[in-house]
N, C-alpha and C. Protein backbone atom coordinates (compact mmCIF):
# COMPACT_ATOMS: atom_id res chain seq x y z
N MET A 1 -48.47 -4.55 9.16
CA MET A 1 -47.63 -4.26 10.33
C MET A 1 -46.77 -5.49 10.67
N SER A 2 -45.53 -5.24 11.05
CA SER A 2 -44.62 -6.34 11.32
C SER A 2 -45.00 -7.08 12.61
N ASN A 3 -44.84 -8.39 12.56
CA ASN A 3 -45.04 -9.20 13.77
C ASN A 3 -43.69 -9.64 14.33
N CYS A 4 -42.65 -8.93 13.94
CA CYS A 4 -41.29 -9.28 14.36
C CYS A 4 -40.91 -8.54 15.64
N SER A 5 -40.16 -9.20 16.50
CA SER A 5 -39.73 -8.60 17.76
C SER A 5 -38.34 -8.00 17.68
N ILE A 6 -37.75 -7.97 16.49
CA ILE A 6 -36.44 -7.36 16.27
C ILE A 6 -36.57 -6.20 15.30
N LYS A 7 -35.61 -5.28 15.38
CA LYS A 7 -35.59 -4.14 14.45
C LYS A 7 -34.57 -4.36 13.33
N TRP A 8 -33.52 -5.11 13.63
CA TRP A 8 -32.46 -5.35 12.65
C TRP A 8 -32.03 -6.80 12.64
N ALA A 9 -31.77 -7.32 11.44
CA ALA A 9 -31.14 -8.63 11.25
C ALA A 9 -29.80 -8.39 10.57
N VAL A 10 -28.72 -8.82 11.21
CA VAL A 10 -27.36 -8.56 10.71
C VAL A 10 -26.71 -9.88 10.34
N PHE A 11 -26.29 -9.99 9.07
CA PHE A 11 -25.81 -11.25 8.53
C PHE A 11 -24.32 -11.23 8.22
N ASP A 12 -23.64 -12.32 8.55
CA ASP A 12 -22.31 -12.59 8.03
C ASP A 12 -22.46 -12.92 6.54
N PHE A 13 -21.37 -12.79 5.78
CA PHE A 13 -21.44 -13.12 4.35
C PHE A 13 -21.02 -14.56 4.08
N GLY A 14 -19.71 -14.82 4.08
CA GLY A 14 -19.23 -16.17 3.74
C GLY A 14 -19.65 -17.20 4.79
N GLY A 15 -20.32 -18.24 4.35
CA GLY A 15 -20.79 -19.28 5.26
C GLY A 15 -22.21 -19.09 5.73
N VAL A 16 -22.77 -17.90 5.45
CA VAL A 16 -24.17 -17.62 5.80
C VAL A 16 -24.94 -17.20 4.55
N LEU A 17 -24.68 -16.01 4.05
CA LEU A 17 -25.37 -15.56 2.83
C LEU A 17 -24.85 -16.30 1.59
N ALA A 18 -23.62 -16.72 1.66
CA ALA A 18 -23.00 -17.44 0.54
C ALA A 18 -22.21 -18.63 1.06
N GLU A 19 -21.89 -19.53 0.15
CA GLU A 19 -21.00 -20.63 0.50
C GLU A 19 -19.67 -20.07 0.99
N GLU A 20 -18.97 -20.83 1.83
CA GLU A 20 -17.74 -20.34 2.44
C GLU A 20 -16.56 -20.42 1.46
N GLY A 21 -16.42 -19.40 0.63
CA GLY A 21 -15.39 -19.39 -0.40
C GLY A 21 -13.99 -19.29 0.15
N PHE A 22 -13.82 -18.62 1.28
CA PHE A 22 -12.49 -18.44 1.86
C PHE A 22 -11.89 -19.78 2.28
N VAL A 23 -12.64 -20.53 3.06
CA VAL A 23 -12.15 -21.83 3.53
C VAL A 23 -12.02 -22.81 2.37
N ASN A 24 -13.05 -22.90 1.54
CA ASN A 24 -13.02 -23.84 0.43
C ASN A 24 -11.94 -23.52 -0.57
N GLY A 25 -11.74 -22.23 -0.83
CA GLY A 25 -10.71 -21.81 -1.76
C GLY A 25 -9.31 -22.12 -1.26
N LEU A 26 -9.08 -21.88 0.02
CA LEU A 26 -7.76 -22.17 0.58
C LEU A 26 -7.46 -23.66 0.60
N HIS A 27 -8.46 -24.47 0.85
CA HIS A 27 -8.24 -25.92 0.79
C HIS A 27 -7.92 -26.37 -0.64
N ALA A 28 -8.54 -25.72 -1.61
CA ALA A 28 -8.26 -26.04 -3.02
C ALA A 28 -6.81 -25.63 -3.37
N ILE A 29 -6.40 -24.46 -2.90
CA ILE A 29 -5.02 -23.99 -3.12
C ILE A 29 -4.03 -24.96 -2.47
N ALA A 30 -4.33 -25.37 -1.24
CA ALA A 30 -3.44 -26.29 -0.53
C ALA A 30 -3.27 -27.61 -1.29
N LYS A 31 -4.37 -28.09 -1.84
CA LYS A 31 -4.31 -29.35 -2.61
C LYS A 31 -3.45 -29.19 -3.84
N GLN A 32 -3.58 -28.05 -4.53
CA GLN A 32 -2.75 -27.79 -5.71
C GLN A 32 -1.27 -27.67 -5.35
N GLU A 33 -1.02 -27.08 -4.20
CA GLU A 33 0.38 -26.83 -3.78
C GLU A 33 1.00 -28.01 -3.03
N GLY A 34 0.17 -29.01 -2.71
CA GLY A 34 0.68 -30.18 -2.00
C GLY A 34 1.02 -29.93 -0.55
N ILE A 35 0.25 -29.02 0.09
CA ILE A 35 0.48 -28.75 1.51
C ILE A 35 -0.82 -29.01 2.28
N ASP A 36 -0.71 -29.04 3.59
CA ASP A 36 -1.87 -29.33 4.44
C ASP A 36 -2.88 -28.19 4.42
N GLY A 37 -4.14 -28.52 4.18
CA GLY A 37 -5.18 -27.50 4.07
C GLY A 37 -5.42 -26.72 5.34
N ASP A 38 -5.44 -27.42 6.47
CA ASP A 38 -5.67 -26.75 7.75
C ASP A 38 -4.52 -25.82 8.10
N TYR A 39 -3.30 -26.24 7.77
CA TYR A 39 -2.13 -25.39 8.00
C TYR A 39 -2.24 -24.10 7.19
N LEU A 40 -2.60 -24.23 5.90
CA LEU A 40 -2.72 -23.04 5.07
C LEU A 40 -3.84 -22.13 5.55
N LEU A 41 -4.95 -22.71 5.96
CA LEU A 41 -6.08 -21.92 6.45
C LEU A 41 -5.70 -21.12 7.68
N GLU A 42 -5.08 -21.78 8.67
CA GLU A 42 -4.72 -21.10 9.91
C GLU A 42 -3.63 -20.05 9.67
N THR A 43 -2.66 -20.35 8.80
CA THR A 43 -1.60 -19.39 8.51
C THR A 43 -2.17 -18.18 7.77
N THR A 44 -3.12 -18.42 6.89
CA THR A 44 -3.75 -17.31 6.15
C THR A 44 -4.54 -16.42 7.10
N LYS A 45 -5.28 -17.00 8.03
CA LYS A 45 -6.03 -16.22 9.00
C LYS A 45 -5.08 -15.33 9.83
N LYS A 46 -3.96 -15.89 10.24
CA LYS A 46 -2.99 -15.11 11.01
C LYS A 46 -2.38 -13.99 10.17
N THR A 47 -2.09 -14.30 8.91
CA THR A 47 -1.44 -13.34 8.04
C THR A 47 -2.37 -12.19 7.66
N ILE A 48 -3.63 -12.51 7.44
CA ILE A 48 -4.59 -11.46 7.06
C ILE A 48 -4.80 -10.48 8.23
N LEU A 49 -4.59 -10.99 9.45
CA LEU A 49 -4.64 -10.13 10.65
C LEU A 49 -3.34 -9.37 10.85
N SER A 50 -2.22 -10.09 10.81
CA SER A 50 -0.92 -9.48 11.15
C SER A 50 -0.49 -8.42 10.15
N THR A 51 -0.86 -8.59 8.88
CA THR A 51 -0.50 -7.58 7.88
C THR A 51 -1.37 -6.33 7.97
N GLY A 52 -2.55 -6.46 8.62
CA GLY A 52 -3.49 -5.35 8.68
C GLY A 52 -4.44 -5.31 7.48
N TYR A 53 -4.33 -6.31 6.60
CA TYR A 53 -5.17 -6.33 5.40
C TYR A 53 -6.66 -6.44 5.75
N LEU A 54 -6.98 -7.22 6.78
CA LEU A 54 -8.37 -7.45 7.14
C LEU A 54 -9.10 -6.15 7.47
N THR A 55 -8.39 -5.22 8.08
CA THR A 55 -9.03 -3.97 8.50
C THR A 55 -8.58 -2.78 7.67
N GLY A 56 -8.18 -3.05 6.43
CA GLY A 56 -7.90 -1.97 5.48
C GLY A 56 -6.63 -1.20 5.72
N ARG A 57 -5.69 -1.79 6.45
CA ARG A 57 -4.44 -1.09 6.76
C ARG A 57 -3.26 -1.58 5.91
N ALA A 58 -3.54 -2.44 4.95
CA ALA A 58 -2.51 -2.93 4.03
C ALA A 58 -3.18 -3.26 2.70
N LEU A 59 -2.40 -3.28 1.65
CA LEU A 59 -2.90 -3.63 0.33
C LEU A 59 -2.94 -5.13 0.15
N GLU A 60 -3.77 -5.58 -0.77
CA GLU A 60 -3.88 -7.00 -1.04
C GLU A 60 -2.55 -7.60 -1.47
N GLU A 61 -1.78 -6.87 -2.26
CA GLU A 61 -0.49 -7.40 -2.74
C GLU A 61 0.48 -7.65 -1.58
N ASN A 62 0.41 -6.82 -0.54
CA ASN A 62 1.25 -7.05 0.64
C ASN A 62 0.87 -8.34 1.35
N PHE A 63 -0.43 -8.59 1.43
CA PHE A 63 -0.93 -9.79 2.07
C PHE A 63 -0.45 -11.05 1.33
N TRP A 64 -0.65 -11.08 0.02
CA TRP A 64 -0.24 -12.28 -0.75
C TRP A 64 1.26 -12.48 -0.71
N GLN A 65 2.00 -11.40 -0.77
CA GLN A 65 3.48 -11.50 -0.71
C GLN A 65 3.92 -12.11 0.60
N THR A 66 3.31 -11.66 1.69
CA THR A 66 3.66 -12.20 3.02
C THR A 66 3.24 -13.66 3.14
N LEU A 67 2.05 -13.98 2.62
CA LEU A 67 1.56 -15.36 2.71
C LEU A 67 2.44 -16.31 1.91
N ARG A 68 2.88 -15.88 0.73
CA ARG A 68 3.80 -16.74 -0.06
C ARG A 68 5.10 -16.96 0.71
N HIS A 69 5.59 -15.92 1.34
CA HIS A 69 6.84 -16.05 2.12
C HIS A 69 6.66 -17.00 3.30
N GLU A 70 5.48 -16.94 3.96
CA GLU A 70 5.23 -17.77 5.14
C GLU A 70 5.00 -19.23 4.80
N THR A 71 4.35 -19.50 3.64
CA THR A 71 3.89 -20.85 3.36
C THR A 71 4.57 -21.55 2.18
N GLY A 72 5.20 -20.75 1.32
CA GLY A 72 5.85 -21.33 0.15
C GLY A 72 4.91 -21.53 -1.03
N ILE A 73 3.65 -21.08 -0.95
CA ILE A 73 2.75 -21.24 -2.09
C ILE A 73 3.27 -20.37 -3.26
N THR A 74 2.92 -20.76 -4.49
CA THR A 74 3.57 -20.17 -5.64
C THR A 74 2.63 -19.47 -6.61
N GLY A 75 1.35 -19.52 -6.42
CA GLY A 75 0.42 -18.90 -7.37
C GLY A 75 0.53 -17.38 -7.38
N THR A 76 0.11 -16.78 -8.50
CA THR A 76 0.08 -15.33 -8.60
C THR A 76 -1.08 -14.79 -7.75
N ASP A 77 -1.05 -13.48 -7.49
CA ASP A 77 -2.14 -12.87 -6.74
C ASP A 77 -3.48 -13.19 -7.39
N GLN A 78 -3.56 -13.02 -8.71
CA GLN A 78 -4.82 -13.22 -9.43
C GLN A 78 -5.26 -14.68 -9.37
N GLU A 79 -4.33 -15.61 -9.52
CA GLU A 79 -4.68 -17.03 -9.48
C GLU A 79 -5.20 -17.43 -8.10
N LEU A 80 -4.54 -16.94 -7.06
CA LEU A 80 -4.91 -17.30 -5.70
C LEU A 80 -6.26 -16.70 -5.32
N ARG A 81 -6.47 -15.43 -5.64
CA ARG A 81 -7.73 -14.77 -5.27
C ARG A 81 -8.90 -15.38 -6.04
N ASN A 82 -8.66 -15.80 -7.29
CA ASN A 82 -9.72 -16.41 -8.07
C ASN A 82 -10.18 -17.74 -7.47
N GLU A 83 -9.25 -18.48 -6.88
CA GLU A 83 -9.62 -19.73 -6.23
C GLU A 83 -10.60 -19.49 -5.08
N ILE A 84 -10.44 -18.35 -4.43
CA ILE A 84 -11.32 -18.00 -3.29
C ILE A 84 -12.62 -17.37 -3.77
N LEU A 85 -12.52 -16.33 -4.59
CA LEU A 85 -13.71 -15.58 -4.98
C LEU A 85 -14.68 -16.44 -5.79
N SER A 86 -14.17 -17.35 -6.60
CA SER A 86 -15.05 -18.18 -7.42
C SER A 86 -15.90 -19.12 -6.57
N ARG A 87 -15.48 -19.35 -5.34
CA ARG A 87 -16.21 -20.29 -4.47
C ARG A 87 -17.21 -19.61 -3.54
N PHE A 88 -17.29 -18.30 -3.58
CA PHE A 88 -18.36 -17.59 -2.86
C PHE A 88 -19.61 -17.61 -3.75
N VAL A 89 -20.50 -18.54 -3.48
CA VAL A 89 -21.72 -18.70 -4.28
C VAL A 89 -22.91 -18.31 -3.40
N LEU A 90 -23.63 -17.28 -3.83
CA LEU A 90 -24.79 -16.81 -3.05
C LEU A 90 -25.86 -17.89 -2.91
N ARG A 91 -26.55 -17.88 -1.78
CA ARG A 91 -27.65 -18.80 -1.52
C ARG A 91 -28.97 -18.08 -1.82
N PRO A 92 -29.63 -18.40 -2.92
CA PRO A 92 -30.86 -17.69 -3.30
C PRO A 92 -31.92 -17.69 -2.21
N TRP A 93 -32.03 -18.78 -1.47
CA TRP A 93 -33.05 -18.86 -0.42
C TRP A 93 -32.77 -17.84 0.69
N MET A 94 -31.49 -17.52 0.90
CA MET A 94 -31.12 -16.53 1.89
C MET A 94 -31.57 -15.14 1.46
N LEU A 95 -31.34 -14.83 0.20
CA LEU A 95 -31.75 -13.51 -0.31
C LEU A 95 -33.25 -13.35 -0.29
N LYS A 96 -33.97 -14.42 -0.56
CA LYS A 96 -35.43 -14.40 -0.46
C LYS A 96 -35.87 -14.11 0.97
N LEU A 97 -35.20 -14.74 1.92
CA LEU A 97 -35.53 -14.54 3.33
C LEU A 97 -35.21 -13.10 3.74
N VAL A 98 -34.09 -12.56 3.28
CA VAL A 98 -33.74 -11.17 3.58
C VAL A 98 -34.81 -10.23 3.04
N SER A 99 -35.29 -10.50 1.82
CA SER A 99 -36.34 -9.67 1.25
C SER A 99 -37.63 -9.75 2.07
N ASP A 100 -37.91 -10.93 2.57
CA ASP A 100 -39.10 -11.14 3.40
C ASP A 100 -38.99 -10.32 4.68
N LEU A 101 -37.82 -10.33 5.30
CA LEU A 101 -37.61 -9.53 6.52
C LEU A 101 -37.83 -8.06 6.25
N ARG A 102 -37.28 -7.58 5.15
CA ARG A 102 -37.42 -6.16 4.81
C ARG A 102 -38.88 -5.79 4.58
N SER A 103 -39.64 -6.71 3.96
CA SER A 103 -41.05 -6.42 3.70
C SER A 103 -41.86 -6.34 4.99
N ARG A 104 -41.30 -6.91 6.05
CA ARG A 104 -41.97 -6.85 7.37
C ARG A 104 -41.46 -5.68 8.22
N GLY A 105 -40.62 -4.86 7.64
CA GLY A 105 -40.13 -3.68 8.35
C GLY A 105 -38.89 -3.89 9.16
N VAL A 106 -38.23 -5.04 9.00
CA VAL A 106 -36.97 -5.31 9.70
C VAL A 106 -35.81 -4.80 8.86
N GLY A 107 -34.93 -4.01 9.46
CA GLY A 107 -33.74 -3.56 8.74
C GLY A 107 -32.78 -4.72 8.53
N THR A 108 -32.10 -4.72 7.41
CA THR A 108 -31.16 -5.81 7.10
C THR A 108 -29.77 -5.24 6.83
N SER A 109 -28.77 -5.93 7.36
CA SER A 109 -27.40 -5.46 7.26
C SER A 109 -26.44 -6.62 7.08
N ILE A 110 -25.32 -6.34 6.47
CA ILE A 110 -24.18 -7.28 6.42
C ILE A 110 -23.11 -6.76 7.36
N LEU A 111 -22.52 -7.65 8.16
CA LEU A 111 -21.34 -7.35 8.94
C LEU A 111 -20.31 -8.43 8.61
N SER A 112 -19.30 -8.04 7.81
CA SER A 112 -18.42 -9.04 7.22
C SER A 112 -16.94 -8.70 7.42
N ASP A 113 -16.15 -9.71 7.69
CA ASP A 113 -14.69 -9.60 7.67
C ASP A 113 -14.23 -10.10 6.29
N GLN A 114 -14.37 -9.25 5.28
CA GLN A 114 -14.26 -9.75 3.91
C GLN A 114 -13.34 -8.95 3.00
N VAL A 115 -12.59 -8.01 3.52
CA VAL A 115 -11.67 -7.15 2.77
C VAL A 115 -12.32 -6.58 1.51
N ASN A 116 -11.51 -6.11 0.57
CA ASN A 116 -12.03 -5.49 -0.66
C ASN A 116 -12.77 -6.48 -1.56
N TRP A 117 -12.61 -7.77 -1.25
CA TRP A 117 -13.28 -8.80 -2.06
C TRP A 117 -14.80 -8.66 -2.02
N LEU A 118 -15.36 -8.19 -0.88
CA LEU A 118 -16.82 -8.09 -0.78
C LEU A 118 -17.36 -7.12 -1.82
N ASP A 119 -16.67 -6.01 -2.03
CA ASP A 119 -17.09 -5.04 -3.03
C ASP A 119 -17.04 -5.66 -4.43
N GLU A 120 -16.00 -6.42 -4.69
CA GLU A 120 -15.86 -7.06 -6.00
C GLU A 120 -16.93 -8.13 -6.22
N LEU A 121 -17.25 -8.85 -5.16
CA LEU A 121 -18.31 -9.84 -5.25
C LEU A 121 -19.66 -9.20 -5.51
N ASP A 122 -19.87 -7.99 -4.95
CA ASP A 122 -21.15 -7.29 -5.21
C ASP A 122 -21.21 -6.83 -6.66
N VAL A 123 -20.10 -6.40 -7.22
CA VAL A 123 -20.08 -6.03 -8.64
C VAL A 123 -20.48 -7.24 -9.49
N ARG A 124 -20.01 -8.41 -9.08
CA ARG A 124 -20.31 -9.64 -9.82
C ARG A 124 -21.76 -10.10 -9.60
N ASP A 125 -22.22 -10.07 -8.34
CA ASP A 125 -23.49 -10.71 -8.00
C ASP A 125 -24.61 -9.76 -7.60
N LYS A 126 -24.27 -8.48 -7.34
CA LYS A 126 -25.28 -7.45 -7.07
C LYS A 126 -26.23 -7.81 -5.92
N PHE A 127 -25.65 -8.05 -4.76
CA PHE A 127 -26.47 -8.42 -3.59
C PHE A 127 -26.57 -7.31 -2.56
N PHE A 128 -25.76 -6.26 -2.64
CA PHE A 128 -25.87 -5.16 -1.67
C PHE A 128 -27.28 -4.55 -1.71
N GLN A 129 -27.96 -4.63 -2.85
CA GLN A 129 -29.28 -4.02 -3.00
C GLN A 129 -30.31 -4.63 -2.05
N TYR A 130 -30.04 -5.81 -1.52
CA TYR A 130 -30.95 -6.47 -0.60
C TYR A 130 -30.81 -5.95 0.84
N PHE A 131 -29.81 -5.11 1.07
CA PHE A 131 -29.48 -4.72 2.45
C PHE A 131 -29.53 -3.20 2.63
N ASP A 132 -29.97 -2.80 3.82
CA ASP A 132 -30.04 -1.38 4.16
C ASP A 132 -28.65 -0.82 4.50
N ARG A 133 -27.83 -1.63 5.10
CA ARG A 133 -26.47 -1.21 5.48
C ARG A 133 -25.49 -2.36 5.21
N VAL A 134 -24.26 -2.00 4.83
CA VAL A 134 -23.19 -2.98 4.65
C VAL A 134 -21.96 -2.49 5.41
N TYR A 135 -21.53 -3.29 6.38
CA TYR A 135 -20.35 -2.96 7.17
C TYR A 135 -19.27 -4.01 6.92
N ASN A 136 -18.16 -3.57 6.37
CA ASN A 136 -17.08 -4.44 5.95
C ASN A 136 -15.81 -4.06 6.72
N SER A 137 -15.16 -5.02 7.33
CA SER A 137 -13.97 -4.76 8.14
C SER A 137 -12.94 -3.93 7.40
N PHE A 138 -12.82 -4.10 6.10
CA PHE A 138 -11.83 -3.40 5.29
C PHE A 138 -12.09 -1.90 5.29
N HIS A 139 -13.37 -1.50 5.40
CA HIS A 139 -13.73 -0.09 5.35
C HIS A 139 -13.97 0.52 6.73
N ILE A 140 -14.42 -0.29 7.69
CA ILE A 140 -14.71 0.27 9.03
C ILE A 140 -13.51 0.15 9.96
N ASN A 141 -12.44 -0.50 9.48
CA ASN A 141 -11.18 -0.66 10.23
C ASN A 141 -11.36 -1.39 11.55
N LEU A 142 -12.36 -2.25 11.59
CA LEU A 142 -12.61 -3.11 12.77
C LEU A 142 -13.06 -4.47 12.26
N SER A 143 -12.62 -5.53 12.94
CA SER A 143 -13.09 -6.87 12.57
C SER A 143 -13.94 -7.45 13.68
N LYS A 144 -14.61 -8.55 13.37
CA LYS A 144 -15.43 -9.21 14.37
C LYS A 144 -14.60 -9.93 15.43
N ASN A 145 -13.28 -9.93 15.27
CA ASN A 145 -12.40 -10.42 16.32
C ASN A 145 -12.32 -9.45 17.49
N ASP A 146 -12.84 -8.26 17.31
CA ASP A 146 -12.78 -7.19 18.30
C ASP A 146 -14.18 -6.95 18.87
N HIS A 147 -14.33 -7.09 20.17
CA HIS A 147 -15.64 -6.83 20.81
C HIS A 147 -16.21 -5.48 20.44
N ALA A 148 -15.32 -4.52 20.21
CA ALA A 148 -15.75 -3.13 19.98
C ALA A 148 -16.65 -3.00 18.76
N VAL A 149 -16.50 -3.88 17.78
CA VAL A 149 -17.32 -3.75 16.57
C VAL A 149 -18.80 -3.92 16.88
N PHE A 150 -19.11 -4.73 17.88
CA PHE A 150 -20.52 -4.96 18.22
C PHE A 150 -21.09 -3.79 19.01
N GLU A 151 -20.25 -3.11 19.77
CA GLU A 151 -20.69 -1.90 20.42
C GLU A 151 -20.96 -0.81 19.37
N GLU A 152 -20.03 -0.70 18.42
CA GLU A 152 -20.20 0.29 17.36
C GLU A 152 -21.45 0.00 16.54
N LEU A 153 -21.73 -1.27 16.32
CA LEU A 153 -22.88 -1.67 15.51
C LEU A 153 -24.18 -1.09 16.07
N THR A 154 -24.32 -1.13 17.38
CA THR A 154 -25.55 -0.59 17.99
C THR A 154 -25.66 0.91 17.76
N HIS A 155 -24.52 1.62 17.71
CA HIS A 155 -24.55 3.05 17.43
C HIS A 155 -24.88 3.30 15.97
N TRP A 156 -24.26 2.53 15.08
CA TRP A 156 -24.51 2.71 13.64
C TRP A 156 -25.97 2.45 13.30
N LEU A 157 -26.55 1.45 13.96
CA LEU A 157 -27.96 1.11 13.68
C LEU A 157 -28.92 1.91 14.54
N ASN A 158 -28.39 2.62 15.53
CA ASN A 158 -29.17 3.48 16.41
C ASN A 158 -30.30 2.72 17.10
N CYS A 159 -29.94 1.59 17.70
CA CYS A 159 -30.93 0.83 18.46
C CYS A 159 -30.26 0.04 19.58
N ALA A 160 -31.06 -0.48 20.47
CA ALA A 160 -30.54 -1.24 21.60
C ALA A 160 -30.00 -2.60 21.12
N PRO A 161 -28.99 -3.14 21.82
CA PRO A 161 -28.46 -4.45 21.41
C PRO A 161 -29.50 -5.52 21.29
N GLY A 162 -30.49 -5.52 22.20
CA GLY A 162 -31.52 -6.54 22.18
C GLY A 162 -32.49 -6.45 21.02
N ASP A 163 -32.40 -5.35 20.25
CA ASP A 163 -33.25 -5.19 19.07
C ASP A 163 -32.59 -5.75 17.80
N ILE A 164 -31.37 -6.27 17.97
CA ILE A 164 -30.59 -6.78 16.83
C ILE A 164 -30.43 -8.29 16.96
N VAL A 165 -30.63 -9.03 15.87
CA VAL A 165 -30.23 -10.43 15.84
C VAL A 165 -29.05 -10.53 14.87
N PHE A 166 -27.98 -11.14 15.35
CA PHE A 166 -26.74 -11.28 14.57
C PHE A 166 -26.56 -12.74 14.19
N ILE A 167 -26.34 -12.99 12.90
CA ILE A 167 -26.24 -14.37 12.39
C ILE A 167 -24.84 -14.59 11.83
N ASP A 168 -24.15 -15.61 12.31
CA ASP A 168 -22.79 -15.92 11.85
C ASP A 168 -22.55 -17.41 11.99
N ASP A 169 -21.69 -17.95 11.15
CA ASP A 169 -21.36 -19.38 11.25
C ASP A 169 -20.13 -19.62 12.10
N HIS A 170 -19.48 -18.53 12.56
CA HIS A 170 -18.25 -18.64 13.35
C HIS A 170 -18.58 -18.41 14.82
N LEU A 171 -18.50 -19.45 15.63
CA LEU A 171 -18.97 -19.38 17.01
C LEU A 171 -18.29 -18.31 17.87
N PRO A 172 -16.98 -18.09 17.75
CA PRO A 172 -16.38 -17.02 18.55
C PRO A 172 -16.99 -15.64 18.27
N HIS A 173 -17.36 -15.37 17.03
CA HIS A 173 -18.04 -14.09 16.73
C HIS A 173 -19.39 -14.04 17.41
N ILE A 174 -20.10 -15.15 17.38
CA ILE A 174 -21.41 -15.24 18.05
C ILE A 174 -21.27 -14.95 19.54
N LYS A 175 -20.26 -15.53 20.15
CA LYS A 175 -20.06 -15.32 21.59
C LYS A 175 -19.72 -13.87 21.92
N ARG A 176 -18.91 -13.24 21.07
CA ARG A 176 -18.56 -11.83 21.30
C ARG A 176 -19.81 -10.94 21.16
N ALA A 177 -20.63 -11.23 20.16
CA ALA A 177 -21.84 -10.44 19.98
C ALA A 177 -22.81 -10.63 21.14
N GLY A 178 -22.95 -11.88 21.57
CA GLY A 178 -23.83 -12.19 22.70
C GLY A 178 -23.39 -11.50 23.98
N ALA A 179 -22.07 -11.42 24.14
CA ALA A 179 -21.53 -10.76 25.34
C ALA A 179 -21.84 -9.26 25.37
N ARG A 180 -22.14 -8.71 24.22
CA ARG A 180 -22.51 -7.30 24.13
C ARG A 180 -24.02 -7.08 24.11
N GLY A 181 -24.78 -8.17 24.34
CA GLY A 181 -26.22 -8.05 24.49
C GLY A 181 -27.04 -8.26 23.24
N LEU A 182 -26.38 -8.58 22.12
CA LEU A 182 -27.14 -8.82 20.89
C LEU A 182 -27.78 -10.21 20.95
N LYS A 183 -28.95 -10.33 20.34
CA LYS A 183 -29.50 -11.66 20.09
C LYS A 183 -28.64 -12.31 19.02
N THR A 184 -28.44 -13.61 19.10
CA THR A 184 -27.55 -14.27 18.17
C THR A 184 -28.13 -15.59 17.65
N ILE A 185 -27.74 -15.93 16.44
CA ILE A 185 -28.04 -17.26 15.88
C ILE A 185 -26.75 -17.79 15.27
N HIS A 186 -26.31 -18.93 15.77
CA HIS A 186 -25.15 -19.60 15.19
C HIS A 186 -25.63 -20.42 14.00
N PHE A 187 -25.26 -19.98 12.80
CA PHE A 187 -25.74 -20.65 11.59
C PHE A 187 -24.99 -21.98 11.38
N THR A 188 -25.76 -23.05 11.25
CA THR A 188 -25.18 -24.35 10.93
C THR A 188 -25.84 -24.98 9.71
N ASP A 189 -27.15 -24.77 9.55
CA ASP A 189 -27.86 -25.31 8.41
C ASP A 189 -29.16 -24.54 8.21
N ARG A 190 -29.75 -24.68 7.04
CA ARG A 190 -30.93 -23.92 6.66
C ARG A 190 -32.12 -24.16 7.59
N GLN A 191 -32.42 -25.42 7.87
CA GLN A 191 -33.62 -25.74 8.64
C GLN A 191 -33.57 -25.18 10.05
N SER A 192 -32.47 -25.39 10.74
CA SER A 192 -32.39 -24.91 12.12
C SER A 192 -32.30 -23.39 12.18
N PHE A 193 -31.68 -22.79 11.15
CA PHE A 193 -31.59 -21.34 11.12
C PHE A 193 -32.97 -20.69 10.99
N ILE A 194 -33.78 -21.20 10.05
CA ILE A 194 -35.12 -20.64 9.87
C ILE A 194 -35.96 -20.83 11.15
N LYS A 195 -35.80 -21.98 11.77
CA LYS A 195 -36.52 -22.25 13.03
C LYS A 195 -36.10 -21.23 14.09
N ASP A 196 -34.80 -20.99 14.22
CA ASP A 196 -34.29 -20.06 15.24
C ASP A 196 -34.73 -18.62 14.93
N LEU A 197 -34.67 -18.21 13.67
CA LEU A 197 -35.05 -16.85 13.30
C LEU A 197 -36.55 -16.62 13.47
N SER A 198 -37.33 -17.68 13.29
CA SER A 198 -38.78 -17.56 13.41
C SER A 198 -39.23 -17.27 14.84
N VAL A 199 -38.35 -17.50 15.80
CA VAL A 199 -38.64 -17.10 17.19
C VAL A 199 -38.84 -15.59 17.25
N TYR A 200 -38.07 -14.84 16.46
CA TYR A 200 -38.15 -13.38 16.47
C TYR A 200 -39.06 -12.83 15.38
N CYS A 201 -39.31 -13.65 14.36
CA CYS A 201 -40.12 -13.19 13.24
C CYS A 201 -40.93 -14.37 12.71
N PRO A 202 -42.06 -14.67 13.33
CA PRO A 202 -42.82 -15.88 12.99
C PRO A 202 -43.27 -15.91 11.53
N GLY A 203 -43.34 -17.13 11.00
CA GLY A 203 -43.91 -17.34 9.67
C GLY A 203 -42.92 -17.33 8.53
N LEU A 204 -41.62 -17.28 8.85
CA LEU A 204 -40.60 -17.30 7.80
C LEU A 204 -40.49 -18.70 7.21
N THR A 205 -40.15 -18.77 5.93
CA THR A 205 -39.97 -20.06 5.27
C THR A 205 -38.70 -20.05 4.43
């Protein structure tokens, strides 16, 4: 019988389950192109939102075309996406922890703002099998920038907000989830994360 006080653990992908390929990849692209990394990162975040690509309302080619126009970068779609996708490296200890949670009767889910890339990364790394549900902004037409996604999450999982712990490395997402009544853990490092999660599910390692 589970000794956990939560019914669901919901994980961000990049920066939590895997290394942050989006940020690291864009900084690598910026270095190659001779432009400021922070500028490219912020412009890319704005473009992925403004084009509608993040929530499945535009094609990837439209996004890259717009980003090249905005920033002057010159790589092909395939070259640019490879710089990002190659840097999403799964954390084996995280998958082990997810499996441990499931063995204790806790539902596990991904909630990711990751476009069609998440599906391609699963083809490569086969990690969806560790999760009961996968919610991707590209398919659900909502991102974690919108408070509504956390309200919807409680309906999709069919449980009270307080029965869910949401884990993300991006503090604004954590604040939005907390404002909707979800338990939250702001991921910064392995040791503090396991300590924080053990509050709800003792004995994790």
